């Protein structure tokens, strides 16, 4: 071996060692795999979020077909909470959204836990069939579901079935009454999405150690005692996660109300949610003028984001398990 070859050999080995080290779990090679997803997240999630916050302190004005932005500080937030008409609509939509969420929490998620307990019972037959039946409505388009239920709850369209087949007479105009309309919309949404928490709870309960369940059966524990004292405490973190997902989805709900009650939250704004309120103010404009206010819409979106983030953190901390 020549002197030049001997001198080059350590450099080659050092390069191979550096490359090999980069492939170890302690290296940084994994960052290259994250860059595409990170780029998509920044472009489609992070940037619109921060730009929405920026837009909330501006007001757009159109003069002679030219649109300009003027910095107004917290004026959009002040209008949101102090303007008589806007604040009335905002708080009405907020409390309707809270009712919408509570209905899902008490109906959809509770049914999801009960369905999961039944579907994970080893003595139950036809579990896959029932699981498919529960999950099928989630595959329907939300607008299609809304329009179908709007027809089913229409007294004129459903009279032949309710009176002729069921014999219960003609249905009242549920979707036209201020009280029952929001409850009916909430239950339709629960019917469509109950399959999601059910599948999540089924996966969580199937991860429970079978030795614990067998020991409980041997000790003579009933099915209810096993569910309440073993299964439910062990899936508590999943319950918190599902509650957060339900909270976020419901406070962003728009489609089902738009399909069943229009974007105005009829009747008389009794089904108006934060999603439809934001749509009217920031995108479509409030009738009859129908001039959108992007700055006010961005302020509404920012307030909702802060609310979602705060509640999500609190629920996560309350439902986390500590060893």
Protein backbone atom coordinates (compact mmCIF):
# COMPACT_ATOMS: atom_id res chain seq x y z
CA UNK A 1 0.00 0.00 0.00
CA UNK A 2 1.37 3.38 -0.97
CA UNK A 3 1.72 6.37 1.31
CA UNK A 4 -1.13 8.23 -0.44
CA UNK A 5 -3.50 5.27 -0.06
CA UNK A 6 -2.66 4.98 3.62
CA UNK A 7 -3.38 8.67 4.14
CA UNK A 8 -6.78 8.43 2.46
CA UNK A 9 -7.99 5.40 4.41
CA UNK A 10 -8.72 7.12 7.79
CA UNK A 11 -10.70 9.85 6.06
CA UNK A 12 -12.92 7.29 4.35
CA UNK A 13 -13.50 5.40 7.59
CA UNK A 14 -14.36 8.63 9.41
CA UNK A 15 -16.95 9.52 6.77
CA UNK A 16 -18.54 6.08 7.04
CA UNK A 17 -18.68 6.38 10.82
CA UNK A 18 -20.37 9.76 10.59
CA UNK A 19 -22.90 8.43 8.09
CA UNK A 20 -23.55 5.35 10.22
CA UNK A 21 -24.05 7.51 13.31
CA UNK A 22 -26.61 9.62 11.47
CA UNK A 23 -28.67 6.48 10.90
CA UNK A 24 -28.78 5.54 14.56
CA UNK A 25 -31.81 6.49 16.70
CA UNK A 26 -29.73 9.30 18.22
CA UNK A 27 -29.03 10.85 14.83
CA UNK A 28 -31.05 13.46 13.00
CA UNK A 29 -31.87 11.52 9.84
CA UNK A 30 -35.55 11.26 10.90
CA UNK A 31 -35.99 15.00 10.39
CA UNK A 32 -35.93 14.49 6.62
CA UNK A 33 -39.03 12.30 6.90
CA UNK A 34 -40.85 14.98 8.90
CA UNK A 35 -40.13 17.86 6.54
CA UNK A 36 -42.94 17.08 3.99
CA UNK A 37 -45.58 16.75 6.71
CA UNK A 38 -44.19 19.79 8.53
CA UNK A 39 -44.30 21.83 5.34
CA UNK A 40 -47.92 20.87 4.67
CA UNK A 41 -48.85 21.69 8.27
CA UNK A 42 -47.18 25.10 8.15
CA UNK A 43 -48.75 26.06 4.82
CA UNK A 44 -52.28 24.80 5.43
CA UNK A 45 -52.63 25.00 9.25
CA UNK A 46 -50.13 27.22 11.04
CA UNK A 47 -49.96 30.05 8.50
CA UNK A 48 -53.78 30.44 8.14
CA UNK A 49 -54.08 30.40 11.94
CA UNK A 50 -51.56 33.18 12.51
CA UNK A 51 -52.83 35.13 9.51
CA UNK A 52 -56.35 34.92 10.97
CA UNK A 53 -55.07 36.39 14.24
CA UNK A 54 -53.37 39.17 12.23
CA UNK A 55 -56.51 39.81 10.23
CA UNK A 56 -58.57 40.18 13.41
CA UNK A 57 -56.85 43.50 14.20
CA UNK A 58 -57.52 44.92 10.74
CA UNK A 59 -60.62 46.07 8.92
CA UNK A 60 -61.02 45.78 5.17
CA UNK A 61 -62.69 48.57 3.26
CA UNK A 62 -63.59 48.59 -0.42
CA UNK A 63 -63.63 51.94 -2.22
CA UNK A 64 -64.02 52.10 -5.99
CA UNK A 65 -63.38 48.34 -6.25
CA UNK A 66 -60.08 48.76 -4.42
CA UNK A 67 -59.76 46.87 -1.12
CA UNK A 68 -57.53 48.29 1.61
CA UNK A 69 -56.72 47.16 5.14
CA UNK A 70 -56.72 49.53 8.09
CA UNK A 71 -55.24 48.66 11.47
CA UNK A 72 -57.97 48.97 14.12
CA UNK A 73 -56.36 47.17 17.07
CA UNK A 74 -58.91 45.40 19.29
CA UNK A 75 -61.87 47.20 17.74
CA UNK A 76 -63.23 43.99 16.18
CA UNK A 77 -63.12 42.24 19.56
CA UNK A 78 -64.79 45.21 21.25
CA UNK A 79 -67.56 45.18 18.64
CA UNK A 80 -67.99 41.44 19.09
CA UNK A 81 -68.67 41.78 22.82
CA UNK A 82 -70.28 45.23 23.06
CA UNK A 83 -72.24 45.89 19.86
CA UNK A 84 -75.91 45.22 20.76
CA UNK A 85 -76.80 43.23 17.64
CA UNK A 86 -73.50 41.42 17.12
CA UNK A 87 -72.99 40.48 20.78
CA UNK A 88 -76.58 39.23 21.05
CA UNK A 89 -76.07 36.94 18.07
CA UNK A 90 -72.64 35.84 19.36
CA UNK A 91 -73.84 34.84 22.84
CA UNK A 92 -76.93 33.20 21.39
CA UNK A 93 -74.75 31.12 19.05
CA UNK A 94 -72.34 30.36 21.92
CA UNK A 95 -75.04 28.97 24.23
CA UNK A 96 -76.64 27.03 21.36
CA UNK A 97 -73.23 25.50 20.62
CA UNK A 98 -72.82 24.57 24.29
CA UNK A 99 -76.21 22.83 24.21
CA UNK A 100 -75.24 21.13 20.95
CA UNK A 101 -72.02 19.87 22.57
CA UNK A 102 -73.67 18.72 25.82
CA UNK A 103 -76.23 16.70 23.84
CA UNK A 104 -73.40 14.95 21.99
CA UNK A 105 -71.49 14.38 25.22
CA UNK A 106 -74.45 12.83 27.03
CA UNK A 107 -75.98 10.94 24.11
CA UNK A 108 -73.32 10.19 21.51
CA UNK A 109 -70.38 9.46 23.81
CA UNK A 110 -72.40 7.59 26.45
CA UNK A 111 -73.94 5.40 23.75
CA UNK A 112 -70.45 4.92 22.29
CA UNK A 113 -69.16 3.59 25.61
CA UNK A 114 -72.18 1.29 26.07
CA UNK A 115 -71.98 0.00 22.50
CA UNK A 116 -68.25 -0.63 22.95
CA UNK A 117 -68.89 -2.58 26.17
CA UNK A 118 -71.40 -4.77 24.33
CA UNK A 119 -69.21 -5.22 21.26
CA UNK A 120 -66.23 -6.31 23.38
CA UNK A 121 -68.31 -8.86 25.29
CA UNK A 122 -66.94 -12.24 24.30
CA UNK A 123 -70.32 -13.91 24.81
CA UNK A 124 -72.13 -11.67 22.32
CA UNK A 125 -72.78 -13.11 18.86
CA UNK A 126 -72.75 -11.12 15.62
CA UNK A 127 -70.53 -8.40 17.00
CA UNK A 128 -69.03 -7.51 13.61
CA UNK A 129 -72.47 -7.09 12.06
CA UNK A 130 -73.64 -4.75 14.82
CA UNK A 131 -70.36 -2.84 14.63
CA UNK A 132 -70.84 -2.31 10.90
CA UNK A 133 -74.46 -1.16 11.41
CA UNK A 134 -73.37 1.41 14.02
CA UNK A 135 -70.54 2.72 11.84
CA UNK A 136 -72.41 2.91 8.51
CA UNK A 137 -74.04 6.36 9.11
CA UNK A 138 -70.60 7.96 9.50
CA UNK A 139 -69.90 7.17 5.82
CA UNK A 140 -72.82 9.34 4.66
CA UNK A 141 -72.19 12.89 3.48
CA UNK A 142 -73.31 15.38 6.13
CA UNK A 143 -75.37 17.43 3.69
CA UNK A 144 -77.12 14.30 2.41
CA UNK A 145 -77.87 13.22 5.99
CA UNK A 146 -79.24 16.65 6.83
CA UNK A 147 -81.52 16.84 3.80
CA UNK A 148 -82.81 13.28 4.33
CA UNK A 149 -83.68 13.91 7.98
CA UNK A 150 -85.22 17.23 7.01
CA UNK A 151 -87.60 15.29 4.77
CA UNK A 152 -88.25 12.60 7.40
CA UNK A 153 -89.11 15.21 10.03
CA UNK A 154 -91.31 17.17 7.64
CA UNK A 155 -94.97 16.55 8.68
CA UNK A 156 -96.19 16.56 5.08
CA UNK A 157 -93.58 14.19 3.66
CA UNK A 158 -93.63 11.75 6.59
CA UNK A 159 -97.38 11.63 7.19
CA UNK A 160 -97.91 8.51 5.05
CA UNK A 161 -95.36 6.59 7.16
CA UNK A 162 -96.11 7.96 10.63
CA UNK A 163 -99.88 7.83 10.26
CA UNK A 164 -100.35 4.91 7.88
CA UNK A 165 -97.61 2.54 9.09
CA UNK A 166 -96.82 3.56 12.67
CA UNK A 167 -100.29 4.83 13.49
CA UNK A 168 -99.00 7.73 15.61
CA UNK A 169 -100.61 10.50 13.60
CA UNK A 170 -99.01 13.47 11.94
CA UNK A 171 -95.69 14.73 13.30
CA UNK A 172 -95.53 18.26 14.68
CA UNK A 173 -93.30 20.72 12.78
CA UNK A 174 -90.26 19.91 14.95
CA UNK A 175 -87.74 21.78 12.84
CA UNK A 176 -89.95 24.86 12.88
CA UNK A 177 -90.20 25.14 16.67
CA UNK A 178 -87.56 27.15 18.52
CA UNK A 179 -87.20 24.70 21.41
CA UNK A 180 -87.17 21.23 19.79
CA UNK A 181 -85.35 22.26 16.58
CA UNK A 182 -81.86 22.36 18.08
CA UNK A 183 -82.48 19.12 20.00
CA UNK A 184 -83.59 17.39 16.80
CA UNK A 185 -80.53 18.64 14.91
CA UNK A 186 -78.25 17.49 17.75
CA UNK A 187 -79.80 14.01 17.84
CA UNK A 188 -79.46 13.65 14.07
CA UNK A 189 -75.77 14.54 14.40
CA UNK A 190 -75.41 12.03 17.26
CA UNK A 191 -77.03 9.33 15.12
CA UNK A 192 -74.55 9.95 12.32
CA UNK A 193 -71.35 10.16 14.38
CA UNK A 194 -71.91 7.69 17.22
CA UNK A 195 -69.83 5.14 15.29
CA UNK A 196 -66.62 7.16 15.77
CA UNK A 197 -66.48 7.08 19.60
CA UNK A 198 -67.75 3.51 19.51
CA UNK A 199 -64.79 2.33 17.41
CA UNK A 200 -62.33 4.27 19.59
CA UNK A 201 -63.74 2.80 22.81
CA UNK A 202 -63.80 -0.68 21.28
CA UNK A 203 -60.09 -0.41 20.47
CA UNK A 204 -59.34 0.84 23.99
CA UNK A 205 -61.31 -1.92 25.72
CA UNK A 206 -59.72 -4.62 23.59
CA UNK A 207 -56.31 -3.52 24.88
CA UNK A 208 -57.31 -4.30 28.47
CA UNK A 209 -55.41 -7.24 29.90
CA UNK A 210 -57.59 -10.34 29.66
CA UNK A 211 -56.15 -11.66 32.94
CA UNK A 212 -57.87 -8.86 34.84
CA UNK A 213 -61.23 -9.68 33.30
CA UNK A 214 -60.85 -13.42 33.86
CA UNK A 215 -59.87 -12.85 37.49
CA UNK A 216 -62.96 -10.69 37.96
CA UNK A 217 -65.19 -13.38 36.41
CA UNK A 218 -63.65 -16.01 38.70
CA UNK A 219 -64.30 -13.81 41.74
CA UNK A 220 -67.97 -13.64 40.75
CA UNK A 221 -68.13 -10.06 39.50
CA UNK A 222 -71.09 -9.20 37.30
CA UNK A 223 -70.80 -7.69 33.85
CA UNK A 224 -71.82 -4.25 35.18
CA UNK A 225 -69.26 -4.43 38.00
CA UNK A 226 -66.50 -5.36 35.55
CA UNK A 227 -67.46 -2.49 33.26
CA UNK A 228 -67.76 0.11 36.02
CA UNK A 229 -64.77 -0.91 38.18
CA UNK A 230 -62.29 -2.24 35.61
CA UNK A 231 -63.01 -1.23 32.01
CA UNK A 232 -64.16 2.34 32.55
CA UNK A 233 -61.26 3.41 34.83
CA UNK A 234 -58.72 1.88 32.44
CA UNK A 235 -60.11 3.74 29.41
CA UNK A 236 -60.34 7.07 31.27
CA UNK A 237 -57.61 8.74 29.13
CA UNK A 238 -59.52 7.66 26.00
CA UNK A 239 -62.72 9.13 27.44
CA UNK A 240 -60.90 12.46 27.82
CA UNK A 241 -59.56 12.24 24.27
CA UNK A 242 -63.01 11.51 22.83
CA UNK A 243 -64.48 14.36 24.89
CA UNK A 244 -61.89 16.75 23.41
CA UNK A 245 -62.58 15.53 19.87
CA UNK A 246 -66.32 15.96 20.44
CA UNK A 247 -65.79 19.42 21.89
CA UNK A 248 -63.63 20.58 18.98
CA UNK A 249 -65.92 19.11 16.32
CA UNK A 250 -69.10 20.52 17.88
CA UNK A 251 -67.70 24.01 18.34
CA UNK A 252 -66.75 23.93 14.65
CA UNK A 253 -70.07 22.43 13.55
CA UNK A 254 -71.67 23.99 10.51
CA UNK A 255 -72.76 21.41 7.93
CA UNK A 256 -75.69 19.77 9.72
CA UNK A 257 -77.28 23.10 10.69
CA UNK A 258 -76.72 24.47 7.19
CA UNK A 259 -78.42 21.41 5.68
CA UNK A 260 -81.38 21.24 8.07
CA UNK A 261 -81.96 24.86 9.13
CA UNK A 262 -80.00 27.07 6.63
CA UNK A 263 -77.08 29.30 7.61
CA UNK A 264 -79.39 31.71 9.46
CA UNK A 265 -80.04 29.15 12.20
CA UNK A 266 -83.79 29.13 11.71
CA UNK A 267 -86.23 29.42 13.33
CA UNK A 268 -85.36 32.86 14.75
CA UNK A 269 -81.66 31.99 15.26
CA UNK A 270 -82.61 29.24 17.76
CA UNK A 271 -80.28 26.76 16.01
CA UNK A 272 -77.55 29.28 15.26
CA UNK A 273 -74.10 27.92 16.15
CA UNK A 274 -70.71 29.61 16.26
CA UNK A 275 -69.94 28.05 12.88
CA UNK A 276 -72.99 29.54 11.17
CA UNK A 277 -72.52 32.86 12.99
CA UNK A 278 -68.92 33.04 11.74
CA UNK A 279 -70.05 32.12 8.22
CA UNK A 280 -72.59 34.94 8.10
CA UNK A 281 -70.25 37.56 9.55
CA UNK A 282 -66.94 36.70 7.91
CA UNK A 283 -67.80 34.98 4.61
CA UNK A 284 -71.37 35.40 3.34
CA UNK A 285 -72.33 38.59 5.13
CA UNK A 286 -75.33 39.26 7.32
CA UNK A 287 -78.60 39.69 5.43
CA UNK A 288 -80.17 41.84 4.10
CA UNK A 289 -77.00 43.84 3.32
CA UNK A 290 -74.85 40.69 2.90
CA UNK A 291 -71.50 42.49 3.14
CA UNK A 292 -68.91 40.20 4.80
CA UNK A 293 -66.60 41.55 7.48
CA UNK A 294 -63.39 39.44 7.38
CA UNK A 295 -61.88 41.25 10.37
CA UNK A 296 -64.86 40.48 12.60
CA UNK A 297 -64.95 36.91 11.29
CA UNK A 298 -61.25 36.50 12.15
CA UNK A 299 -61.95 37.84 15.65
CA UNK A 300 -64.70 35.24 16.09
CA UNK A 301 -62.35 32.49 14.87
CA UNK A 302 -59.59 33.63 17.23
CA UNK A 303 -61.93 33.67 20.25
CA UNK A 304 -63.14 30.16 19.40
CA UNK A 305 -59.55 28.93 18.97
CA UNK A 306 -58.51 30.28 22.39
CA UNK A 307 -61.57 28.65 23.95
CA UNK A 308 -60.88 25.29 22.30
CA UNK A 309 -57.20 25.32 23.28
CA UNK A 310 -57.94 26.24 26.92
CA UNK A 311 -60.64 23.63 27.45
CA UNK A 312 -58.63 20.93 25.65
CA UNK A 313 -55.61 21.45 27.91
CA UNK A 314 -57.79 21.36 31.04
CA UNK A 315 -59.57 18.15 29.99
CA UNK A 316 -56.27 16.45 29.08
CA UNK A 317 -54.80 17.26 32.48
CA UNK A 318 -57.91 16.06 34.31
CA UNK A 319 -58.14 12.76 32.46
CA UNK A 320 -54.47 11.80 32.23
CA UNK A 321 -53.36 8.81 34.26
CA UNK A 322 -50.48 9.01 36.69
CA UNK A 323 -48.37 6.00 37.58
